N, C-alpha and C. Protein backbone atom coordinates (compact mmCIF):
# COMPACT_ATOMS: atom_id res chain seq x y z
N MET A 1 124.80 118.68 103.68
CA MET A 1 124.94 117.24 105.13
C MET A 1 123.57 116.82 104.89
N LEU A 2 123.21 115.94 104.85
CA LEU A 2 121.87 115.27 104.96
C LEU A 2 121.79 114.41 105.80
N ASP A 3 120.80 114.06 106.80
CA ASP A 3 121.22 112.94 107.82
C ASP A 3 120.04 111.97 107.42
N PHE A 4 120.02 110.70 108.00
CA PHE A 4 119.33 109.78 108.20
C PHE A 4 118.54 109.20 108.85
N VAL A 5 117.47 109.13 109.26
CA VAL A 5 116.65 108.63 110.43
C VAL A 5 115.92 107.35 110.47
N VAL A 6 115.89 106.15 110.19
CA VAL A 6 115.32 104.88 110.20
C VAL A 6 114.20 104.73 111.87
N ALA A 7 113.30 105.44 112.18
CA ALA A 7 112.73 105.47 113.05
C ALA A 7 112.10 104.39 113.72
N GLY A 8 111.66 103.43 112.44
CA GLY A 8 110.99 101.95 112.94
C GLY A 8 110.14 101.29 111.39
N LEU A 9 110.77 100.16 111.16
CA LEU A 9 109.91 99.68 110.63
C LEU A 9 109.68 98.01 110.70
N SER A 10 108.60 97.79 110.35
CA SER A 10 107.54 96.43 110.16
C SER A 10 107.34 96.63 111.91
N ALA A 11 107.99 95.27 112.88
CA ALA A 11 107.42 94.87 114.24
C ALA A 11 107.77 96.26 114.72
N ASN A 12 108.41 97.31 114.29
CA ASN A 12 108.87 98.27 115.50
C ASN A 12 108.09 99.74 114.84
N SER A 13 107.14 99.12 114.30
CA SER A 13 106.10 100.48 113.40
C SER A 13 106.46 102.17 114.57
N VAL A 14 106.40 102.74 114.26
CA VAL A 14 105.86 103.86 115.26
C VAL A 14 104.30 104.88 115.45
N PRO A 15 103.68 104.80 116.36
CA PRO A 15 102.43 105.14 115.91
C PRO A 15 102.50 106.62 115.26
N TYR A 16 101.52 107.33 114.77
CA TYR A 16 101.29 108.13 113.87
C TYR A 16 101.80 109.41 114.65
N VAL A 17 100.81 109.82 115.61
CA VAL A 17 101.72 111.13 116.72
C VAL A 17 102.74 110.82 117.25
N GLU A 18 102.99 109.74 117.56
CA GLU A 18 105.21 109.91 118.24
C GLU A 18 105.93 110.43 116.88
N GLY A 19 105.20 110.24 115.57
CA GLY A 19 106.41 110.11 114.61
C GLY A 19 106.31 111.31 114.36
N LEU A 20 104.99 112.36 114.55
CA LEU A 20 104.76 113.58 114.31
C LEU A 20 105.44 114.48 115.21
N GLU A 21 105.36 113.98 116.82
CA GLU A 21 106.29 115.12 117.96
C GLU A 21 107.98 114.53 117.37
N LEU A 22 107.95 113.62 116.96
CA LEU A 22 109.39 113.36 116.17
C LEU A 22 109.57 114.66 115.28
N GLN A 23 108.76 114.65 113.79
CA GLN A 23 109.26 115.41 113.21
C GLN A 23 109.06 116.68 114.00
N ARG A 24 108.47 116.75 115.01
CA ARG A 24 108.23 118.42 115.16
C ARG A 24 109.93 118.68 115.80
N ALA A 25 110.29 117.71 116.93
CA ALA A 25 111.55 118.17 117.43
C ALA A 25 112.42 118.65 116.39
N VAL A 26 112.80 117.28 115.09
CA VAL A 26 114.20 117.65 114.56
C VAL A 26 113.31 119.28 113.53
N HIS A 27 112.30 119.55 113.42
CA HIS A 27 112.10 120.74 112.56
C HIS A 27 112.90 121.80 113.22
N ARG A 28 112.31 121.03 115.02
CA ARG A 28 112.85 122.82 115.70
C ARG A 28 114.38 122.62 115.60
N SER A 29 115.12 121.67 115.21
CA SER A 29 116.72 121.71 115.41
C SER A 29 116.95 122.24 114.10
N VAL A 30 116.43 121.93 112.51
CA VAL A 30 117.16 122.38 111.44
C VAL A 30 116.64 123.41 111.29
N VAL A 31 115.29 124.07 111.98
CA VAL A 31 115.14 125.67 111.72
C VAL A 31 116.58 125.71 112.61
N SER A 32 116.69 126.23 114.15
CA SER A 32 117.51 126.45 114.63
C SER A 32 118.69 126.39 114.63
N GLY A 33 119.56 125.44 113.21
CA GLY A 33 120.90 125.03 112.57
C GLY A 33 121.51 123.77 113.65
N VAL A 34 120.87 123.53 114.83
CA VAL A 34 121.41 122.91 115.59
C VAL A 34 122.07 121.23 114.63
N ARG A 35 120.96 121.02 113.52
CA ARG A 35 121.00 119.70 113.13
C ARG A 35 120.95 119.93 111.44
N PRO A 36 121.65 119.04 110.64
CA PRO A 36 121.40 119.00 109.74
C PRO A 36 120.02 118.97 109.11
N ASP A 37 119.78 119.05 107.56
CA ASP A 37 118.36 118.30 106.77
C ASP A 37 118.35 117.25 107.26
N THR A 38 117.30 116.57 107.50
CA THR A 38 116.97 115.14 108.17
C THR A 38 115.50 114.46 107.47
N VAL A 39 115.80 113.00 106.88
CA VAL A 39 114.92 112.42 106.46
C VAL A 39 114.65 111.27 107.05
N ILE A 40 113.57 111.54 107.43
CA ILE A 40 113.32 110.13 108.59
C ILE A 40 112.07 109.05 107.84
N PHE A 41 112.58 107.78 107.80
CA PHE A 41 112.05 106.58 107.23
C PHE A 41 110.77 106.02 108.20
N LEU A 42 109.85 105.17 108.27
CA LEU A 42 108.92 104.72 109.49
C LEU A 42 108.25 103.83 108.70
N GLU A 43 107.75 103.06 109.63
CA GLU A 43 106.51 102.69 108.78
C GLU A 43 105.32 103.03 110.02
N HIS A 44 103.89 103.44 110.10
CA HIS A 44 102.95 103.50 111.02
C HIS A 44 101.90 102.56 110.94
N PRO A 45 101.38 102.06 112.70
CA PRO A 45 100.64 101.32 112.14
C PRO A 45 99.67 101.90 111.63
N SER A 46 98.38 100.90 111.50
CA SER A 46 97.30 101.36 110.89
C SER A 46 96.68 103.04 111.00
N VAL A 47 95.94 103.92 110.62
CA VAL A 47 95.64 105.23 110.91
C VAL A 47 95.10 105.67 109.16
N TYR A 48 94.07 106.65 109.54
CA TYR A 48 93.56 107.37 108.63
C TYR A 48 94.45 109.04 109.37
N THR A 49 94.45 109.86 108.01
CA THR A 49 95.23 111.05 108.26
C THR A 49 94.53 112.13 107.72
N ALA A 50 93.99 113.30 108.24
CA ALA A 50 93.09 114.29 107.43
C ALA A 50 94.29 115.38 107.30
N GLY A 51 94.50 115.95 105.37
CA GLY A 51 94.82 117.41 105.37
C GLY A 51 93.79 118.33 105.54
N LYS A 52 94.29 119.31 105.41
CA LYS A 52 93.57 120.87 105.56
C LYS A 52 92.67 121.02 104.66
N ARG A 53 92.74 120.19 103.20
CA ARG A 53 91.75 120.17 102.45
C ARG A 53 90.19 119.25 102.64
N THR A 54 90.43 118.64 103.79
CA THR A 54 89.72 117.44 103.49
C THR A 54 88.08 117.61 103.81
N ALA A 55 87.14 117.30 102.86
CA ALA A 55 86.20 117.62 103.34
C ALA A 55 85.28 116.79 104.15
N PRO A 56 84.44 117.55 105.01
CA PRO A 56 83.52 116.09 106.20
C PRO A 56 83.19 114.68 105.25
N GLU A 57 82.23 114.64 104.13
CA GLU A 57 82.29 114.00 103.83
C GLU A 57 83.35 112.88 102.92
N GLU A 58 84.26 113.48 103.18
CA GLU A 58 85.25 112.64 102.39
C GLU A 58 85.99 111.59 103.88
N ARG A 59 85.71 111.72 104.88
CA ARG A 59 86.21 110.66 106.09
C ARG A 59 85.29 109.62 105.94
N PRO A 60 85.98 108.69 106.89
CA PRO A 60 85.27 107.24 106.56
C PRO A 60 83.68 107.43 107.67
N THR A 61 82.67 106.76 107.22
CA THR A 61 81.47 106.59 107.45
C THR A 61 81.14 105.83 108.92
N ASN A 62 82.11 104.97 108.93
CA ASN A 62 82.07 103.57 110.03
C ASN A 62 83.28 103.84 111.24
N GLY A 63 82.80 105.19 111.63
CA GLY A 63 83.68 105.42 112.68
C GLY A 63 85.35 104.76 112.94
N THR A 64 85.67 105.09 112.07
CA THR A 64 87.12 104.49 111.89
C THR A 64 88.05 105.51 112.47
N PRO A 65 88.94 105.82 113.10
CA PRO A 65 88.99 107.34 113.90
C PRO A 65 90.20 107.86 112.69
N VAL A 66 90.22 109.55 112.59
CA VAL A 66 90.97 109.84 111.77
C VAL A 66 91.40 111.31 112.73
N ILE A 67 93.44 111.20 112.64
CA ILE A 67 93.67 111.86 112.95
C ILE A 67 93.70 113.28 112.25
N ASP A 68 93.94 114.45 112.24
CA ASP A 68 93.57 115.49 111.50
C ASP A 68 95.26 116.24 111.45
N ALA A 69 95.36 116.20 110.63
CA ALA A 69 97.01 116.45 110.23
C ALA A 69 97.34 117.87 109.93
N ASP A 70 98.30 118.96 110.20
CA ASP A 70 98.86 119.78 109.57
C ASP A 70 99.65 120.20 108.36
N ARG A 71 99.32 119.42 107.58
CA ARG A 71 99.99 119.56 105.80
C ARG A 71 98.67 119.75 104.51
N GLY A 72 99.30 119.81 103.92
CA GLY A 72 98.82 119.92 102.65
C GLY A 72 97.76 118.29 102.67
N GLY A 73 96.75 118.79 101.29
CA GLY A 73 96.41 117.41 100.58
C GLY A 73 94.80 117.16 101.72
N LYS A 74 94.76 115.85 100.96
CA LYS A 74 93.13 115.73 101.54
C LYS A 74 93.41 114.12 102.59
N ILE A 75 92.56 113.30 102.76
CA ILE A 75 92.41 112.11 103.83
C ILE A 75 93.40 111.09 102.84
N THR A 76 94.05 110.40 103.96
CA THR A 76 95.06 109.08 103.53
C THR A 76 95.18 108.07 104.38
N TRP A 77 95.46 106.95 104.37
CA TRP A 77 95.95 106.12 104.62
C TRP A 77 97.63 105.39 105.24
N HIS A 78 97.53 105.68 106.35
CA HIS A 78 99.16 104.87 106.50
C HIS A 78 98.96 103.58 107.25
N GLY A 79 100.13 102.59 106.82
CA GLY A 79 99.94 101.65 107.86
C GLY A 79 101.14 100.05 107.03
N PRO A 80 100.89 98.88 108.17
CA PRO A 80 101.85 98.16 107.54
C PRO A 80 102.08 98.06 106.27
N GLY A 81 103.28 97.46 105.54
CA GLY A 81 103.83 97.44 104.50
C GLY A 81 103.62 98.87 103.59
N GLN A 82 103.80 100.16 103.97
CA GLN A 82 104.37 101.40 103.68
C GLN A 82 104.81 102.18 104.42
N LEU A 83 106.12 102.44 102.82
CA LEU A 83 107.20 103.15 103.85
C LEU A 83 106.68 104.66 103.55
N VAL A 84 106.93 105.58 104.81
CA VAL A 84 106.39 106.38 105.26
C VAL A 84 108.11 107.41 105.41
N GLY A 85 107.93 108.85 104.16
CA GLY A 85 109.47 109.90 104.44
C GLY A 85 109.21 110.54 104.63
N TYR A 86 109.68 111.39 106.02
CA TYR A 86 109.72 112.67 106.41
C TYR A 86 110.65 113.31 106.04
N PRO A 87 110.87 114.09 105.02
CA PRO A 87 112.33 115.01 104.82
C PRO A 87 112.09 116.20 105.10
N ILE A 88 113.03 116.34 106.49
CA ILE A 88 112.52 117.77 107.07
C ILE A 88 113.55 118.68 106.25
N MET A 89 114.26 119.83 105.26
CA MET A 89 114.43 119.94 104.84
C MET A 89 114.57 121.52 104.67
N ARG A 90 115.57 122.34 105.07
CA ARG A 90 115.44 123.40 104.67
C ARG A 90 115.13 123.86 102.98
N LEU A 91 114.32 124.80 102.42
CA LEU A 91 114.52 125.31 101.14
C LEU A 91 114.81 126.40 101.10
N ALA A 92 115.47 126.38 99.42
CA ALA A 92 115.95 127.89 99.32
C ALA A 92 115.06 129.32 99.06
N GLU A 93 115.73 130.38 99.26
CA GLU A 93 114.74 131.39 98.72
C GLU A 93 114.45 131.49 97.66
N PRO A 94 113.70 132.12 96.58
CA PRO A 94 112.20 132.04 97.53
C PRO A 94 111.63 130.34 97.37
N VAL A 95 111.10 130.63 98.49
CA VAL A 95 110.49 128.98 98.86
C VAL A 95 109.63 128.73 97.38
N ASP A 96 109.79 127.31 97.12
CA ASP A 96 109.11 126.95 95.63
C ASP A 96 108.80 125.40 96.44
N VAL A 97 107.21 126.25 97.02
CA VAL A 97 106.63 124.20 97.06
C VAL A 97 106.15 123.38 96.03
N VAL A 98 105.54 124.13 94.74
CA VAL A 98 105.46 123.28 94.17
C VAL A 98 106.61 122.41 93.58
N GLY A 99 108.00 122.89 93.37
CA GLY A 99 109.04 122.69 92.54
C GLY A 99 109.47 121.59 93.81
N TYR A 100 109.41 121.70 95.08
CA TYR A 100 109.88 121.02 95.83
C TYR A 100 109.28 119.45 95.89
N VAL A 101 107.88 119.45 95.70
CA VAL A 101 106.59 118.53 95.42
C VAL A 101 107.44 117.62 94.12
N ARG A 102 107.84 118.19 93.10
CA ARG A 102 108.39 117.85 92.12
C ARG A 102 109.78 117.28 92.37
N ARG A 103 110.37 117.81 92.74
CA ARG A 103 111.79 116.86 93.42
C ARG A 103 111.63 115.57 94.46
N LEU A 104 110.49 115.56 95.34
CA LEU A 104 109.97 114.25 95.82
C LEU A 104 109.88 113.59 95.06
N GLU A 105 108.84 113.82 94.04
CA GLU A 105 108.12 113.27 92.81
C GLU A 105 109.12 112.39 92.43
N GLY A 106 109.98 113.45 91.36
CA GLY A 106 111.57 112.59 91.32
C GLY A 106 112.32 111.46 91.07
N ILE A 107 112.20 112.00 92.65
CA ILE A 107 113.07 110.78 93.11
C ILE A 107 112.33 109.53 93.77
N LEU A 108 111.42 109.66 94.06
CA LEU A 108 110.43 108.23 94.06
C LEU A 108 110.36 107.78 92.63
N ILE A 109 110.01 108.59 91.02
CA ILE A 109 110.18 107.61 90.26
C ILE A 109 110.72 107.21 89.52
N ASP A 110 112.13 108.08 90.48
CA ASP A 110 113.84 106.96 89.77
C ASP A 110 114.02 106.12 90.73
N VAL A 111 113.65 105.76 92.35
CA VAL A 111 113.47 104.64 92.55
C VAL A 111 112.78 103.63 92.21
N LEU A 112 111.40 103.92 91.67
CA LEU A 112 110.87 102.62 91.05
C LEU A 112 110.89 102.20 90.10
N SER A 113 112.12 102.89 89.29
CA SER A 113 112.97 102.93 87.87
C SER A 113 113.30 101.55 87.98
N ASP A 114 114.45 101.62 89.30
CA ASP A 114 115.76 100.60 89.38
C ASP A 114 114.68 99.73 89.77
N PHE A 115 113.93 99.26 90.33
CA PHE A 115 112.94 98.11 91.00
C PHE A 115 112.23 97.77 89.94
N GLY A 116 112.06 98.05 88.59
CA GLY A 116 111.73 97.89 86.90
C GLY A 116 109.81 98.24 87.31
N VAL A 117 110.15 99.43 88.35
CA VAL A 117 108.20 99.75 88.07
C VAL A 117 108.14 100.92 87.05
N ASP A 118 107.26 101.11 86.27
CA ASP A 118 107.38 102.54 85.46
C ASP A 118 106.13 103.90 86.09
N GLY A 119 106.53 104.44 87.05
CA GLY A 119 106.00 105.70 87.98
C GLY A 119 106.14 106.98 87.22
N ARG A 120 105.01 107.81 87.22
CA ARG A 120 105.24 108.85 86.59
C ARG A 120 104.29 109.90 87.20
N ARG A 121 104.05 111.24 86.64
CA ARG A 121 103.28 112.23 87.05
C ARG A 121 102.17 112.16 85.75
N VAL A 122 101.01 112.66 86.95
CA VAL A 122 99.72 112.99 86.10
C VAL A 122 99.09 114.64 86.31
N ALA A 123 99.32 114.79 85.14
CA ALA A 123 98.95 116.55 85.36
C ALA A 123 98.13 116.86 86.04
N GLY A 124 97.94 117.80 87.44
CA GLY A 124 97.12 118.33 87.81
C GLY A 124 97.00 117.67 89.07
N ARG A 125 97.70 116.46 89.66
CA ARG A 125 97.88 115.80 90.41
C ARG A 125 98.85 115.18 90.95
N SER A 126 99.31 115.63 92.29
CA SER A 126 100.41 115.27 93.21
C SER A 126 100.49 113.73 93.44
N GLY A 127 101.71 113.19 93.50
CA GLY A 127 102.15 111.77 93.59
C GLY A 127 102.82 110.97 92.30
N VAL A 128 102.77 109.86 92.71
CA VAL A 128 103.32 109.60 91.96
C VAL A 128 101.96 107.81 91.26
N TRP A 129 102.36 108.00 90.07
CA TRP A 129 101.20 107.39 89.43
C TRP A 129 101.62 105.69 88.62
N VAL A 130 100.97 104.60 87.96
CA VAL A 130 101.80 103.91 87.47
C VAL A 130 100.22 103.57 86.39
N GLY A 131 100.12 102.97 85.12
CA GLY A 131 99.25 102.71 84.64
C GLY A 131 98.87 103.53 83.32
N PRO A 132 98.38 103.01 82.13
CA PRO A 132 98.38 104.10 81.51
C PRO A 132 97.17 105.14 81.59
N ASP A 133 96.86 106.19 80.66
CA ASP A 133 96.37 107.13 80.70
C ASP A 133 94.64 106.90 81.17
N GLY A 134 94.20 107.80 81.91
CA GLY A 134 92.73 106.92 82.00
C GLY A 134 92.63 105.85 82.83
N GLN A 135 93.61 105.27 83.25
CA GLN A 135 93.66 104.06 84.25
C GLN A 135 94.31 104.30 85.14
N GLU A 136 94.93 105.51 86.00
CA GLU A 136 96.31 105.60 86.51
C GLU A 136 95.73 104.93 87.72
N ASP A 137 97.30 104.28 88.71
CA ASP A 137 96.83 103.88 89.76
C ASP A 137 97.43 104.60 90.77
N LYS A 138 97.65 105.23 92.05
CA LYS A 138 98.30 105.95 92.95
C LYS A 138 99.41 105.13 93.38
N ILE A 139 100.55 104.96 93.56
CA ILE A 139 101.75 104.30 94.01
C ILE A 139 102.07 105.08 95.26
N ALA A 140 102.31 106.03 94.88
CA ALA A 140 102.81 106.86 96.16
C ALA A 140 102.89 108.36 96.28
N ALA A 141 102.01 108.78 97.83
CA ALA A 141 101.22 110.34 97.60
C ALA A 141 102.08 111.02 98.46
N ILE A 142 101.99 112.47 98.54
CA ILE A 142 102.97 113.43 98.83
C ILE A 142 101.41 114.16 99.27
N GLY A 143 102.14 114.74 100.44
CA GLY A 143 101.28 115.79 101.57
C GLY A 143 102.68 117.22 102.42
N ILE A 144 103.04 118.22 102.17
CA ILE A 144 103.49 118.73 103.01
C ILE A 144 103.04 119.70 103.94
N ARG A 145 104.08 120.38 104.54
CA ARG A 145 103.97 121.72 105.39
C ARG A 145 105.82 122.19 105.28
N VAL A 146 105.69 123.49 104.91
CA VAL A 146 106.47 124.34 105.27
C VAL A 146 106.45 125.22 106.26
N ALA A 147 107.30 125.48 107.23
CA ALA A 147 106.95 126.11 108.56
C ALA A 147 108.36 126.79 108.40
N GLU A 148 108.63 128.29 108.72
CA GLU A 148 109.96 128.69 108.88
C GLU A 148 111.26 127.86 107.63
N GLY A 149 110.45 128.27 106.75
CA GLY A 149 111.60 127.23 105.49
C GLY A 149 112.14 126.22 105.55
N VAL A 150 111.19 125.35 106.78
CA VAL A 150 111.86 124.30 106.48
C VAL A 150 110.79 123.52 106.14
N THR A 151 111.28 122.10 105.48
CA THR A 151 109.35 121.01 105.05
C THR A 151 109.52 120.41 106.27
N MET A 152 108.14 119.80 106.62
CA MET A 152 107.75 118.58 106.80
C MET A 152 106.82 117.64 106.55
N HIS A 153 106.23 116.55 107.04
CA HIS A 153 105.38 115.77 106.23
C HIS A 153 106.11 114.91 105.09
N GLY A 154 105.44 114.54 104.12
CA GLY A 154 106.36 114.09 103.20
C GLY A 154 105.51 113.15 101.97
N PHE A 155 106.35 112.12 102.24
CA PHE A 155 105.62 110.73 100.93
C PHE A 155 104.95 109.68 101.72
N ALA A 156 104.64 109.19 101.31
CA ALA A 156 104.09 107.83 101.53
C ALA A 156 103.98 106.63 100.19
N LEU A 157 105.23 105.78 100.29
CA LEU A 157 105.08 104.91 99.45
C LEU A 157 104.53 103.54 99.69
N ASN A 158 103.68 103.04 98.78
CA ASN A 158 102.99 101.51 98.85
C ASN A 158 103.85 100.57 98.23
N CYS A 159 104.51 100.15 99.36
CA CYS A 159 105.26 98.72 98.68
C CYS A 159 104.53 97.25 99.29
N SER A 160 104.07 97.18 100.04
CA SER A 160 103.46 95.90 100.18
C SER A 160 102.06 96.04 100.96
N ASN A 161 101.32 96.91 101.14
CA ASN A 161 100.34 97.20 102.30
C ASN A 161 98.92 96.89 101.59
N SER A 162 98.12 96.09 102.36
CA SER A 162 96.72 96.19 102.05
C SER A 162 95.95 96.92 101.02
N LEU A 163 94.97 96.98 100.09
CA LEU A 163 94.51 98.51 99.67
C LEU A 163 92.86 98.28 100.40
N GLU A 164 93.46 97.64 101.25
CA GLU A 164 91.29 97.31 102.14
C GLU A 164 90.82 98.75 102.54
N PRO A 165 91.53 99.20 103.17
CA PRO A 165 91.88 100.05 104.32
C PRO A 165 91.62 101.61 102.85
N TYR A 166 91.59 101.08 102.08
CA TYR A 166 91.28 102.36 101.21
C TYR A 166 89.55 102.71 100.59
N SER A 167 89.32 101.50 100.73
CA SER A 167 87.91 101.18 100.10
C SER A 167 86.66 102.09 101.31
N ARG A 168 87.39 102.28 102.45
CA ARG A 168 86.48 103.19 103.02
C ARG A 168 86.70 104.58 103.05
N ILE A 169 88.02 104.99 102.35
CA ILE A 169 87.49 106.60 102.11
C ILE A 169 88.01 106.54 100.44
N ILE A 170 87.83 108.14 100.25
CA ILE A 170 88.05 108.85 98.97
C ILE A 170 89.54 108.95 99.17
N ALA A 171 90.62 108.06 98.94
CA ALA A 171 92.28 108.20 98.74
C ALA A 171 92.23 109.65 97.75
N CYS A 172 93.38 110.33 99.12
CA CYS A 172 93.01 112.04 98.13
C CYS A 172 92.43 112.94 97.89
N GLY A 173 91.24 112.45 98.17
CA GLY A 173 89.98 113.10 97.60
C GLY A 173 89.56 112.45 96.04
N ILE A 174 90.63 111.59 95.64
CA ILE A 174 90.29 111.59 94.05
C ILE A 174 89.23 110.34 93.52
N LYS A 175 88.18 110.33 93.33
CA LYS A 175 87.25 109.53 93.12
C LYS A 175 87.20 108.72 91.79
N ASP A 176 87.97 108.87 90.26
CA ASP A 176 88.34 108.52 89.35
C ASP A 176 89.21 107.56 89.25
N ALA A 177 90.17 107.42 89.71
CA ALA A 177 91.70 106.40 89.67
C ALA A 177 91.71 105.41 91.45
N GLY A 178 92.11 104.73 90.85
CA GLY A 178 92.79 103.72 91.92
C GLY A 178 94.07 103.91 92.88
N ILE A 179 94.65 102.65 93.21
CA ILE A 179 95.41 102.69 94.78
C ILE A 179 96.07 101.15 93.91
N THR A 180 97.32 101.45 94.02
CA THR A 180 98.13 100.04 93.71
C THR A 180 99.92 100.03 94.83
N THR A 181 100.15 99.13 94.94
CA THR A 181 101.50 98.81 95.92
C THR A 181 102.56 97.76 94.54
N MET A 182 103.79 98.10 95.29
CA MET A 182 105.13 97.77 94.32
C MET A 182 104.32 96.37 94.53
N SER A 183 104.32 95.79 94.91
CA SER A 183 104.24 93.91 95.13
C SER A 183 103.19 93.51 94.30
N ARG A 184 102.13 94.60 94.06
CA ARG A 184 101.39 94.00 93.35
C ARG A 184 101.65 94.39 91.74
N VAL A 185 101.80 95.29 91.62
CA VAL A 185 102.41 95.57 90.24
C VAL A 185 103.68 94.79 89.86
N LEU A 186 104.52 94.13 90.77
CA LEU A 186 105.53 93.29 90.07
C LEU A 186 105.73 92.08 90.33
N GLY A 187 104.21 91.64 91.52
CA GLY A 187 104.17 90.08 91.02
C GLY A 187 104.73 89.49 92.52
N ARG A 188 105.34 90.33 92.77
CA ARG A 188 106.43 89.69 94.34
C ARG A 188 106.12 90.60 95.08
N GLU A 189 106.55 89.82 96.30
CA GLU A 189 106.89 91.03 97.28
C GLU A 189 108.15 92.13 97.41
N VAL A 190 107.60 93.32 97.88
CA VAL A 190 108.55 94.02 98.03
C VAL A 190 108.47 94.73 99.28
N SER A 191 109.42 94.62 100.36
CA SER A 191 109.18 94.60 101.79
C SER A 191 110.28 96.16 101.75
N THR A 192 109.63 96.87 102.52
CA THR A 192 109.83 98.49 102.95
C THR A 192 111.28 98.67 103.57
N SER A 193 111.89 97.64 104.45
CA SER A 193 113.41 98.12 104.45
C SER A 193 114.40 97.94 102.82
N GLN A 194 113.97 97.34 101.90
CA GLN A 194 114.46 97.41 100.70
C GLN A 194 114.50 98.16 99.79
N LEU A 195 113.70 99.47 100.22
CA LEU A 195 113.57 100.79 99.86
C LEU A 195 114.23 102.03 100.52
N VAL A 196 114.69 101.71 101.39
CA VAL A 196 115.49 102.43 101.94
C VAL A 196 116.82 102.81 101.92
N ALA A 197 117.24 101.90 101.42
CA ALA A 197 119.26 102.40 101.03
C ALA A 197 119.04 103.02 99.68
N PRO A 198 117.70 102.59 98.61
CA PRO A 198 117.82 103.29 97.30
C PRO A 198 117.48 104.89 97.41
N LEU A 199 116.45 105.19 98.25
CA LEU A 199 115.98 106.31 98.90
C LEU A 199 116.73 107.16 99.73
N THR A 200 117.88 106.41 100.42
CA THR A 200 118.85 107.37 100.72
C THR A 200 120.25 108.42 99.25
N ALA A 201 120.14 107.21 98.37
CA ALA A 201 120.93 107.61 97.78
C ALA A 201 120.52 108.33 96.82
N ARG A 202 119.34 108.22 96.61
CA ARG A 202 118.27 108.86 95.84
C ARG A 202 118.76 110.59 96.04
N PHE A 203 117.79 110.95 97.81
CA PHE A 203 118.19 111.98 97.95
C PHE A 203 119.50 112.83 98.25
N GLN A 204 120.79 111.83 98.83
CA GLN A 204 121.87 112.33 98.24
C GLN A 204 122.29 112.78 97.41
N ALA A 205 121.73 111.92 95.89
CA ALA A 205 122.18 112.41 94.53
C ALA A 205 121.47 113.78 94.80
N GLU A 206 120.24 114.22 94.83
CA GLU A 206 119.40 115.15 94.50
C GLU A 206 119.94 116.12 95.33
N LEU A 207 120.39 116.63 96.62
CA LEU A 207 121.25 117.62 97.20
C LEU A 207 122.32 117.29 96.22
N ALA A 208 123.19 116.68 96.01
CA ALA A 208 124.57 116.90 95.27
C ALA A 208 124.19 117.80 94.18
N ALA A 209 123.15 117.18 93.52
CA ALA A 209 122.39 117.94 92.33
C ALA A 209 122.15 119.54 92.27
N ALA A 210 121.61 119.96 93.32
CA ALA A 210 120.96 121.06 93.98
C ALA A 210 121.94 122.22 94.29
N SER A 211 123.15 121.29 95.19
CA SER A 211 124.23 122.57 95.57
C SER A 211 125.06 123.08 94.43
């Protein structure tokens, strides 16, 4: 069984710290067996978060606040128009973190394909990318943590967000690639709410295939 929670989108976006507290509460419940695996969907107000591998020089130099996050990866931005998904899921033993990241990428690639966006993996880099070799733009970022066999954090899919905040950082520590959104690729507005049902269906299909 897999539960889904839409914690807040658009005008009801959830501040990052509140979202982290929600994640931790759900994580404790999944670890203890009180609730099933759960995927949380939400948007955050504009915020930079730094994963464990963020170097000092990768932080913004203009005084923009940065929240240190207990996930893998480097610095990234969350904000309006970006759908964030936090799958809180128990992984099978032995825990295969890389395999789990590949599964998340696969779900996102499938959903992007449903919308007519040709997303793909890039060797040596996590997340989902669009564009030709050597000119890739990241459209979805992934950063996770596994504690007591249960995942936290997850993915951020750029739907219709501004790209301006990325100009202040080296997003995900990658200097030689750009950032894009679904709306920019398709030439039409794609809202975060449009992605919830397709992602829910893909997560359910992935669970069924894995069982």
